[in-house]
Amino acid sequence: MGDLGAAFTPSGWPAFVLISARLTGMVMVAPFFSMFGIPRTVRGGIVVVLALTLLPAAPHPAFPERALDIPVPLMTELVIGLGIGMPVAAVIQHALVPAAEVVSPVTGLSLGQLFTA
């Protein structure tokens, strides 16, 4: 199993959880992954597979000594993931709006403009 086996050791869990938190934030808002047609279990599986793929390249942080030190890094990684996913969604939306404006007159979706002129 090589480096992938490190995910199942106690020293590999903090890195795996932090990577998963960042990917969860991204999957929550990224256009393709946040579609309603994709079940939550499939999205969760995508997060786990991507986290296991990225784990060998990630630095392994030390496990926090106090239980109260765990939520802050998790929330930070989740917010970073949201910050990665939102611009992707905005870029796709800004690309689709002009495309729709070009296509709609050609397909007859804007007949209201013909009747008002």
Protein backbone atom coordinates (compact mmCIF):
# COMPACT_ATOMS: atom_id res chain seq x y z
CA MET A 1 0.00 0.00 0.00
CA GLY A 2 2.96 2.31 0.41
CA ASP A 3 2.20 5.91 1.31
CA LEU A 4 -1.54 5.31 1.11
CA GLY A 5 -1.28 3.09 4.19
CA ALA A 6 -0.19 6.18 6.14
CA ALA A 7 -3.81 7.36 6.04
CA PHE A 8 -4.77 4.53 8.37
CA THR A 9 -2.10 5.21 10.98
CA PRO A 10 -2.79 7.50 13.96
CA SER A 11 -0.20 10.00 12.72
CA GLY A 12 -1.93 10.25 9.32
CA TRP A 13 -5.42 11.04 10.61
CA PRO A 14 -4.95 14.76 11.33
CA ALA A 15 -3.74 15.43 7.78
CA PHE A 16 -6.51 13.28 6.31
CA VAL A 17 -9.19 15.10 8.32
CA LEU A 18 -7.87 18.56 7.40
CA ILE A 19 -7.64 17.66 3.70
CA SER A 20 -11.17 16.24 3.87
CA ALA A 21 -12.46 19.43 5.49
CA ARG A 22 -11.03 21.59 2.71
CA LEU A 23 -12.37 19.30 0.00
CA THR A 24 -15.80 19.23 1.68
CA GLY A 25 -15.98 23.02 1.51
CA MET A 26 -15.08 22.94 -2.15
CA VAL A 27 -17.55 20.16 -2.99
CA MET A 28 -20.34 22.03 -1.20
CA VAL A 29 -20.24 24.98 -3.62
CA ALA A 30 -18.33 23.89 -6.73
CA PRO A 31 -20.70 23.78 -9.72
CA PHE A 32 -20.31 20.17 -10.82
CA PHE A 33 -20.14 18.59 -7.37
CA SER A 34 -23.03 20.54 -5.82
CA MET A 35 -25.62 19.41 -8.37
CA PHE A 36 -28.78 17.96 -6.86
CA GLY A 37 -28.57 14.91 -9.11
CA ILE A 38 -25.44 13.67 -7.37
CA PRO A 39 -26.33 11.86 -4.10
CA ARG A 40 -24.63 12.93 -0.89
CA THR A 41 -23.01 9.53 -0.47
CA VAL A 42 -21.36 9.85 -3.89
CA ARG A 43 -20.12 13.35 -3.02
CA GLY A 44 -18.79 12.01 0.27
CA GLY A 45 -17.03 9.20 -1.57
CA ILE A 46 -15.48 11.70 -3.97
CA VAL A 47 -14.15 13.67 -0.99
CA VAL A 48 -12.64 10.55 0.60
CA VAL A 49 -11.02 9.35 -2.63
CA LEU A 50 -9.57 12.79 -3.38
CA ALA A 51 -8.33 13.14 0.20
CA LEU A 52 -6.61 9.74 0.02
CA THR A 53 -5.07 10.75 -3.30
CA LEU A 54 -3.72 14.04 -1.94
CA LEU A 55 -2.57 12.67 1.43
CA PRO A 56 0.91 11.45 0.41
CA ALA A 57 1.84 14.93 -0.88
CA ALA A 58 0.51 16.81 2.17
CA PRO A 59 2.55 17.69 5.25
CA HIS A 60 1.52 15.77 8.35
CA PRO A 61 0.65 18.14 11.21
CA ALA A 62 0.95 17.03 14.82
CA PHE A 63 -2.21 15.89 16.55
CA PRO A 64 -3.58 18.66 18.82
CA GLU A 65 -2.92 18.17 22.52
CA ARG A 66 -6.25 19.66 23.66
CA ALA A 67 -9.67 18.78 22.29
CA LEU A 68 -10.54 22.49 22.00
CA ASP A 69 -7.73 22.97 19.46
CA ILE A 70 -9.45 20.72 16.90
CA PRO A 71 -12.43 22.84 15.67
CA VAL A 72 -10.44 25.95 14.71
CA PRO A 73 -8.22 24.28 12.07
CA LEU A 74 -11.20 22.31 10.76
CA MET A 75 -13.30 25.44 10.30
CA THR A 76 -10.34 27.24 8.73
CA GLU A 77 -9.90 24.48 6.16
CA LEU A 78 -13.66 24.41 5.47
CA VAL A 79 -13.69 28.18 4.85
CA ILE A 80 -10.66 27.87 2.56
CA GLY A 81 -12.46 25.15 0.61
CA LEU A 82 -15.54 27.36 0.31
CA GLY A 83 -13.27 30.15 -0.90
CA ILE A 84 -11.85 27.87 -3.58
CA GLY A 85 -15.25 26.61 -4.73
CA MET A 86 -17.12 29.93 -4.88
CA PRO A 87 -14.91 31.65 -7.48
CA VAL A 88 -15.17 28.57 -9.67
CA ALA A 89 -18.97 28.84 -9.49
CA ALA A 90 -18.84 32.57 -10.23
CA VAL A 91 -16.59 32.12 -13.26
CA ILE A 92 -18.91 29.50 -14.71
CA GLN A 93 -21.97 31.65 -14.07
CA HIS A 94 -20.33 34.70 -15.66
CA ALA A 95 -19.49 32.59 -18.71
CA LEU A 96 -23.00 31.18 -19.04
CA VAL A 97 -24.88 34.51 -18.83
CA PRO A 98 -23.40 36.01 -22.05
CA ALA A 99 -23.74 32.64 -23.77
CA ALA A 100 -27.44 32.54 -22.86
CA GLU A 101 -27.90 36.09 -24.17
CA VAL A 102 -26.44 35.04 -27.52
CA VAL A 103 -28.40 31.79 -27.77
CA SER A 104 -31.82 32.96 -26.57
CA PRO A 105 -32.68 35.24 -29.55
CA VAL A 106 -31.61 32.54 -31.97
CA THR A 107 -33.86 29.92 -30.35
CA GLY A 108 -36.85 32.26 -30.03
CA LEU A 109 -36.79 32.60 -26.25
CA SER A 110 -36.99 36.39 -26.41
CA LEU A 111 -40.16 36.95 -28.44
CA GLY A 112 -41.18 39.73 -26.07
CA GLN A 113 -38.67 42.05 -27.69
CA LEU A 114 -40.32 41.55 -31.08
CA PHE A 115 -43.77 42.53 -29.82
CA THR A 116 -42.61 45.66 -27.96
CA ALA A 117 -40.75 47.15 -30.92
